[in-house]
């Protein structure tokens, strides 16, 4: 009887620990089954800050320093992408200005005077992590880089990202800019429910066609797409301050989880994320509960 009461108390506490979201399970077409916390111990990972979240319910399945503020590199481009999608038609034209390219690589090398549709630059942003694409989109949406900062932070606040502040659209290190693994998971839960962004995150790559120049293949920076069949997409990131970062999500047998790894190393980031996806999704299906 005592053990049963302890288990009931543990379950109640576990349900209270979750990633808040303004979206529901009904927003995911394929994933309708809640993922419980596996009975096995979570695998050890190199990443300094980690969170694994059930994408259906928002329950946290595992965390390590998930509320610790830090640089998150290009994973914050997902917020840039979300703001762009919500700012109007993706068929709107964008004329590149010389200031858009004044940023460190990674770049897709757009040139001043070239014209693109927003969707072209958005896809390059998500797939290849182009910093110049981020600046061009930010300026086009808000009128300036500084004004887009306000757009980003207002949207982050609305999502419930309480431990984040963003200074730029691309994620390169700047004083006063930070987020957490938990907040990036909140962001990812929203992003995967936006069809165009879900599609871009899951593509292996595409041909980018600069006007008047040869087309170029832009391969997805997320290597897990090829290494793990049920990895559906994600976003990579790296700076010296942030270390190797990856937010990704997987879907298997009606369940879906989000894994955020921040502050890992080049040698370990893919293993870190892969191990946590396997740990959370490859448990027996009969333990899961369907969410209507």
Protein backbone atom coordinates (compact mmCIF):
# COMPACT_ATOMS: atom_id res chain seq x y z
CA UNK A 1 0.00 0.00 0.00
CA UNK A 2 2.85 2.33 0.93
CA UNK A 3 4.62 1.68 -2.38
CA UNK A 4 1.40 2.30 -4.29
CA UNK A 5 0.94 5.69 -2.58
CA UNK A 6 4.54 6.63 -3.36
CA UNK A 7 4.02 5.77 -7.03
CA UNK A 8 0.84 7.88 -7.13
CA UNK A 9 2.69 10.82 -5.60
CA UNK A 10 5.57 10.45 -8.09
CA UNK A 11 3.14 10.40 -11.02
CA UNK A 12 1.42 13.56 -9.79
CA UNK A 13 4.73 15.40 -9.53
CA UNK A 14 5.87 14.15 -12.95
CA UNK A 15 2.76 15.50 -14.62
CA UNK A 16 3.41 18.95 -13.13
CA UNK A 17 6.83 19.16 -14.80
CA UNK A 18 6.14 20.07 -18.38
CA UNK A 19 6.96 22.49 -21.14
CA UNK A 20 4.15 25.04 -21.47
CA UNK A 21 2.65 25.59 -24.88
CA UNK A 22 -0.25 27.37 -26.54
CA UNK A 23 -0.81 24.35 -28.80
CA UNK A 24 -2.49 21.00 -28.18
CA UNK A 25 -1.98 17.36 -29.13
CA UNK A 26 -4.55 17.77 -31.90
CA UNK A 27 -2.08 20.01 -33.75
CA UNK A 28 0.14 17.01 -34.52
CA UNK A 29 -1.32 14.89 -37.31
CA UNK A 30 0.80 11.77 -36.88
CA UNK A 31 1.65 11.78 -33.17
CA UNK A 32 -1.34 11.06 -30.94
CA UNK A 33 0.20 8.89 -28.23
CA UNK A 34 1.76 10.22 -25.03
CA UNK A 35 5.32 9.10 -24.38
CA UNK A 36 5.91 8.10 -20.74
CA UNK A 37 9.27 8.37 -19.05
CA UNK A 38 11.22 5.18 -19.82
CA UNK A 39 11.90 2.88 -16.90
CA UNK A 40 15.58 2.68 -17.83
CA UNK A 41 18.08 5.34 -16.81
CA UNK A 42 18.72 8.00 -19.44
CA UNK A 43 22.01 7.53 -21.32
CA UNK A 44 24.96 9.69 -20.37
CA UNK A 45 25.66 12.49 -22.84
CA UNK A 46 28.42 15.04 -23.35
CA UNK A 47 26.07 18.01 -23.78
CA UNK A 48 26.07 20.35 -20.79
CA UNK A 49 22.39 21.27 -21.03
CA UNK A 50 19.72 18.82 -22.11
CA UNK A 51 15.98 18.30 -22.15
CA UNK A 52 13.79 15.56 -23.62
CA UNK A 53 10.12 16.48 -23.99
CA UNK A 54 7.06 14.53 -25.05
CA UNK A 55 5.87 16.49 -28.07
CA UNK A 56 2.23 15.49 -27.53
CA UNK A 57 1.75 16.43 -23.86
CA UNK A 58 4.72 18.68 -23.14
CA UNK A 59 5.85 16.46 -20.26
CA UNK A 60 9.57 16.54 -19.52
CA UNK A 61 11.02 13.03 -19.74
CA UNK A 62 14.61 13.94 -18.85
CA UNK A 63 16.57 17.09 -18.15
CA UNK A 64 20.06 18.21 -17.23
CA UNK A 65 20.69 21.89 -16.48
CA UNK A 66 17.71 22.63 -18.74
CA UNK A 67 16.97 26.00 -17.09
CA UNK A 68 20.57 27.22 -17.22
CA UNK A 69 20.93 30.34 -19.35
CA UNK A 70 23.47 30.09 -22.15
CA UNK A 71 24.23 30.92 -25.76
CA UNK A 72 22.23 28.68 -28.11
CA UNK A 73 23.83 29.57 -31.46
CA UNK A 74 21.77 28.94 -34.60
CA UNK A 75 19.03 26.97 -32.85
CA UNK A 76 17.45 30.38 -32.27
CA UNK A 77 17.00 30.69 -36.03
CA UNK A 78 13.85 28.64 -35.47
CA UNK A 79 12.38 31.68 -33.74
CA UNK A 80 13.48 33.85 -36.68
CA UNK A 81 11.79 31.40 -39.04
CA UNK A 82 8.58 31.38 -37.00
CA UNK A 83 8.44 35.17 -36.96
CA UNK A 84 8.91 35.27 -40.74
CA UNK A 85 6.14 32.74 -41.38
CA UNK A 86 3.76 34.72 -39.18
CA UNK A 87 4.66 38.08 -40.77
CA UNK A 88 2.76 37.59 -44.04
CA UNK A 89 2.93 35.82 -47.37
CA UNK A 90 6.06 33.83 -48.09
CA UNK A 91 5.68 34.86 -51.72
CA UNK A 92 6.51 38.47 -50.81
CA UNK A 93 9.65 39.72 -52.54
CA UNK A 94 12.88 40.51 -50.71
CA UNK A 95 15.51 42.77 -52.25
CA UNK A 96 18.94 42.07 -50.80
CA UNK A 97 20.88 45.02 -49.40
CA UNK A 98 24.64 45.24 -48.92
CA UNK A 99 24.27 45.25 -45.13
CA UNK A 100 22.62 41.82 -45.19
CA UNK A 101 25.89 40.13 -46.05
CA UNK A 102 27.91 41.85 -43.33
CA UNK A 103 27.99 38.83 -41.08
CA UNK A 104 30.26 35.88 -40.39
CA UNK A 105 29.67 32.50 -42.10
CA UNK A 106 27.77 30.26 -42.34
CA UNK A 107 26.41 32.17 -45.36
CA UNK A 108 24.62 31.38 -48.60
CA UNK A 109 26.31 34.39 -50.25
CA UNK A 110 23.34 36.36 -51.49
CA UNK A 111 24.35 39.60 -53.24
CA UNK A 112 23.18 43.16 -52.96
CA UNK A 113 20.40 43.94 -55.45
CA UNK A 114 19.27 40.33 -55.90
CA UNK A 115 15.59 39.61 -55.43
CA UNK A 116 14.12 36.51 -53.82
CA UNK A 117 10.86 35.35 -52.41
CA UNK A 118 10.74 35.10 -48.65
CA UNK A 119 10.23 31.36 -48.91
CA UNK A 120 13.54 30.95 -50.81
CA UNK A 121 15.53 32.65 -48.07
CA UNK A 122 13.50 30.99 -45.33
CA UNK A 123 14.31 27.54 -46.68
CA UNK A 124 18.01 28.42 -46.90
CA UNK A 125 17.82 29.70 -43.33
CA UNK A 126 16.35 26.49 -41.93
CA UNK A 127 18.21 23.97 -44.10
CA UNK A 128 21.67 25.54 -44.47
CA UNK A 129 21.60 28.02 -41.57
CA UNK A 130 22.53 31.03 -43.69
CA UNK A 131 23.34 34.03 -41.48
CA UNK A 132 22.99 36.44 -44.40
CA UNK A 133 19.54 34.98 -45.13
CA UNK A 134 18.61 35.61 -41.50
CA UNK A 135 19.64 39.25 -41.71
CA UNK A 136 17.84 39.81 -45.01
CA UNK A 137 14.61 38.30 -43.68
CA UNK A 138 14.83 40.19 -40.39
CA UNK A 139 15.27 43.52 -42.14
CA UNK A 140 12.52 42.76 -44.64
CA UNK A 141 10.00 41.77 -41.95
CA UNK A 142 10.67 44.48 -39.37
CA UNK A 143 12.51 47.24 -41.24
CA UNK A 144 15.79 46.84 -39.36
CA UNK A 145 17.81 44.35 -37.34
CA UNK A 146 17.05 46.23 -34.11
CA UNK A 147 13.30 46.23 -34.74
CA UNK A 148 13.32 42.52 -35.54
CA UNK A 149 14.91 41.94 -32.14
CA UNK A 150 11.71 43.33 -30.66
CA UNK A 151 9.61 41.02 -32.83
CA UNK A 152 11.60 37.99 -31.69
CA UNK A 153 11.40 38.79 -27.99
CA UNK A 154 7.70 39.58 -28.12
CA UNK A 155 7.00 36.24 -29.79
CA UNK A 156 9.25 34.38 -27.35
CA UNK A 157 7.37 35.92 -24.43
CA UNK A 158 4.03 34.91 -25.93
CA UNK A 159 5.28 31.33 -26.31
CA UNK A 160 6.24 31.21 -22.64
CA UNK A 161 10.02 31.34 -23.15
CA UNK A 162 10.63 33.07 -19.82
CA UNK A 163 14.40 32.62 -19.67
CA UNK A 164 15.37 33.94 -23.09
CA UNK A 165 16.46 37.23 -24.60
CA UNK A 166 17.51 37.57 -28.23
CA UNK A 167 19.68 40.28 -29.74
CA UNK A 168 20.01 39.09 -33.35
CA UNK A 169 18.27 36.91 -35.92
CA UNK A 170 21.12 34.46 -36.57
CA UNK A 171 22.49 33.37 -33.20
CA UNK A 172 26.09 34.59 -33.41
CA UNK A 173 27.37 35.53 -29.96
CA UNK A 174 26.38 38.94 -28.63
CA UNK A 175 26.40 40.34 -25.13
CA UNK A 176 23.09 39.94 -23.34
CA UNK A 177 21.75 37.20 -25.63
CA UNK A 178 20.74 33.90 -24.01
CA UNK A 179 18.19 31.13 -23.82
CA UNK A 180 17.84 27.70 -22.19
CA UNK A 181 17.33 24.11 -23.33
CA UNK A 182 13.82 24.23 -21.87
CA UNK A 183 12.92 27.39 -23.80
CA UNK A 184 14.28 25.99 -27.05
CA UNK A 185 12.06 22.93 -26.51
CA UNK A 186 9.06 25.26 -26.08
CA UNK A 187 9.99 26.92 -29.35
CA UNK A 188 10.43 23.60 -31.14
CA UNK A 189 7.00 22.38 -29.99
CA UNK A 190 5.48 25.34 -31.82
CA UNK A 191 7.70 25.12 -34.89
CA UNK A 192 6.91 21.46 -35.62
CA UNK A 193 3.25 22.42 -35.82
CA UNK A 194 3.93 24.83 -38.70
CA UNK A 195 3.73 22.70 -41.89
CA UNK A 196 6.17 24.70 -44.00
CA UNK A 197 8.83 24.73 -41.27
CA UNK A 198 8.32 21.06 -40.51
CA UNK A 199 8.84 20.35 -44.21
CA UNK A 200 12.02 22.43 -44.42
CA UNK A 201 13.53 20.87 -41.28
CA UNK A 202 12.95 17.40 -42.71
CA UNK A 203 14.39 17.90 -46.19
CA UNK A 204 17.82 16.52 -47.04
CA UNK A 205 18.60 19.60 -49.09
CA UNK A 206 17.57 21.58 -52.14
CA UNK A 207 18.91 23.53 -55.11
CA UNK A 208 19.21 27.22 -54.32
CA UNK A 209 18.89 29.38 -57.43
CA UNK A 210 20.47 32.85 -57.17
CA UNK A 211 19.25 35.08 -60.02
CA UNK A 212 21.70 35.09 -62.93
CA UNK A 213 24.01 32.56 -61.27
CA UNK A 214 24.41 28.79 -61.20
CA UNK A 215 22.15 26.84 -58.89
CA UNK A 216 23.82 25.38 -55.79
CA UNK A 217 22.91 22.37 -53.69
CA UNK A 218 22.37 23.33 -50.06
CA UNK A 219 22.53 20.20 -47.91
CA UNK A 220 20.81 20.02 -44.55
CA UNK A 221 23.24 20.57 -41.68
CA UNK A 222 21.36 18.01 -39.53
CA UNK A 223 23.21 14.71 -40.02
CA UNK A 224 20.69 12.77 -37.93
CA UNK A 225 18.24 12.88 -40.83
CA UNK A 226 20.40 10.26 -42.54
CA UNK A 227 21.58 8.41 -39.46
CA UNK A 228 18.26 7.79 -37.69
CA UNK A 229 15.23 6.91 -39.78
CA UNK A 230 12.66 8.30 -37.33
CA UNK A 231 14.44 11.62 -36.87
CA UNK A 232 12.04 13.97 -38.63
CA UNK A 233 13.96 17.22 -38.52
CA UNK A 234 15.70 19.79 -36.37
CA UNK A 235 18.17 22.66 -36.25
CA UNK A 236 21.90 22.68 -35.66
CA UNK A 237 24.03 25.39 -34.11
CA UNK A 238 27.61 26.20 -33.23
CA UNK A 239 29.64 29.04 -31.79
CA UNK A 240 32.61 28.93 -29.45
CA UNK A 241 30.42 30.27 -26.66
CA UNK A 242 27.57 27.82 -27.26
CA UNK A 243 29.47 24.70 -28.26
CA UNK A 244 27.76 22.20 -30.54
CA UNK A 245 23.99 22.43 -30.32
CA UNK A 246 21.12 20.45 -31.81
CA UNK A 247 17.39 20.54 -31.32
CA UNK A 248 15.64 17.69 -33.07
CA UNK A 249 12.45 15.68 -32.97
CA UNK A 250 11.55 12.11 -33.75
CA UNK A 251 8.33 10.22 -34.43
CA UNK A 252 7.84 6.50 -33.94
CA UNK A 253 4.68 4.39 -33.64
CA UNK A 254 2.38 7.34 -33.00
CA UNK A 255 4.64 9.03 -30.47
CA UNK A 256 6.81 12.11 -30.83
CA UNK A 257 9.59 13.59 -28.69
CA UNK A 258 11.80 16.65 -28.83
CA UNK A 259 15.45 16.46 -27.80
CA UNK A 260 17.52 19.57 -27.10
CA UNK A 261 21.29 19.23 -26.59
CA UNK A 262 23.32 22.38 -25.93
CA UNK A 263 27.02 22.70 -25.22
CA UNK A 264 28.19 19.41 -26.69
CA UNK A 265 31.28 18.72 -28.83
CA UNK A 266 31.76 18.02 -32.57
CA UNK A 267 32.58 14.40 -31.77
CA UNK A 268 29.58 13.81 -29.50
CA UNK A 269 26.63 15.98 -30.57
CA UNK A 270 25.16 13.42 -33.00
CA UNK A 271 25.56 10.54 -30.55
CA UNK A 272 24.09 12.63 -27.74
CA UNK A 273 20.90 13.39 -29.65
CA UNK A 274 20.63 9.93 -31.21
CA UNK A 275 20.93 8.15 -27.86
CA UNK A 276 18.24 10.29 -26.27
CA UNK A 277 15.86 9.82 -29.20
CA UNK A 278 16.35 6.06 -29.02
CA UNK A 279 15.96 6.00 -25.24
CA UNK A 280 12.68 7.88 -25.32
CA UNK A 281 11.05 6.37 -28.43
CA UNK A 282 12.18 2.75 -28.57
CA UNK A 283 10.34 1.70 -25.41
CA UNK A 284 7.40 -0.74 -25.59
CA UNK A 285 4.33 0.80 -27.17
CA UNK A 286 1.91 -0.71 -24.66
CA UNK A 287 3.14 1.68 -21.99
CA UNK A 288 1.93 4.71 -23.92
CA UNK A 289 -1.45 6.38 -23.57
CA UNK A 290 -3.39 7.80 -26.48
CA UNK A 291 -4.26 11.49 -26.21
CA UNK A 292 -7.49 12.56 -27.89
